[in-house]
């Protein structure tokens, strides 16, 4: 089994291993180089999904009884 971790460097726009740039400038870890290369796409997909969930929650409203 491969224990390597891969990261996407936001500063340089490159895929790197653990000994790359500082953590604040990276996304990851990812299990392999190819997945790290898709980091921005993955982040965009996750953000869109969270935004959809937020809209659905706002449209549904809260199930809490305000009178407790």
Foldseek 3Di string as FASTA:
>chain_A
DDPWWWWQFQVVRAIDTPPDDDPVRIDDGDPDRVVNNCVVVVVVVVVVVVVVVVVVDVVVDDPDDPVD
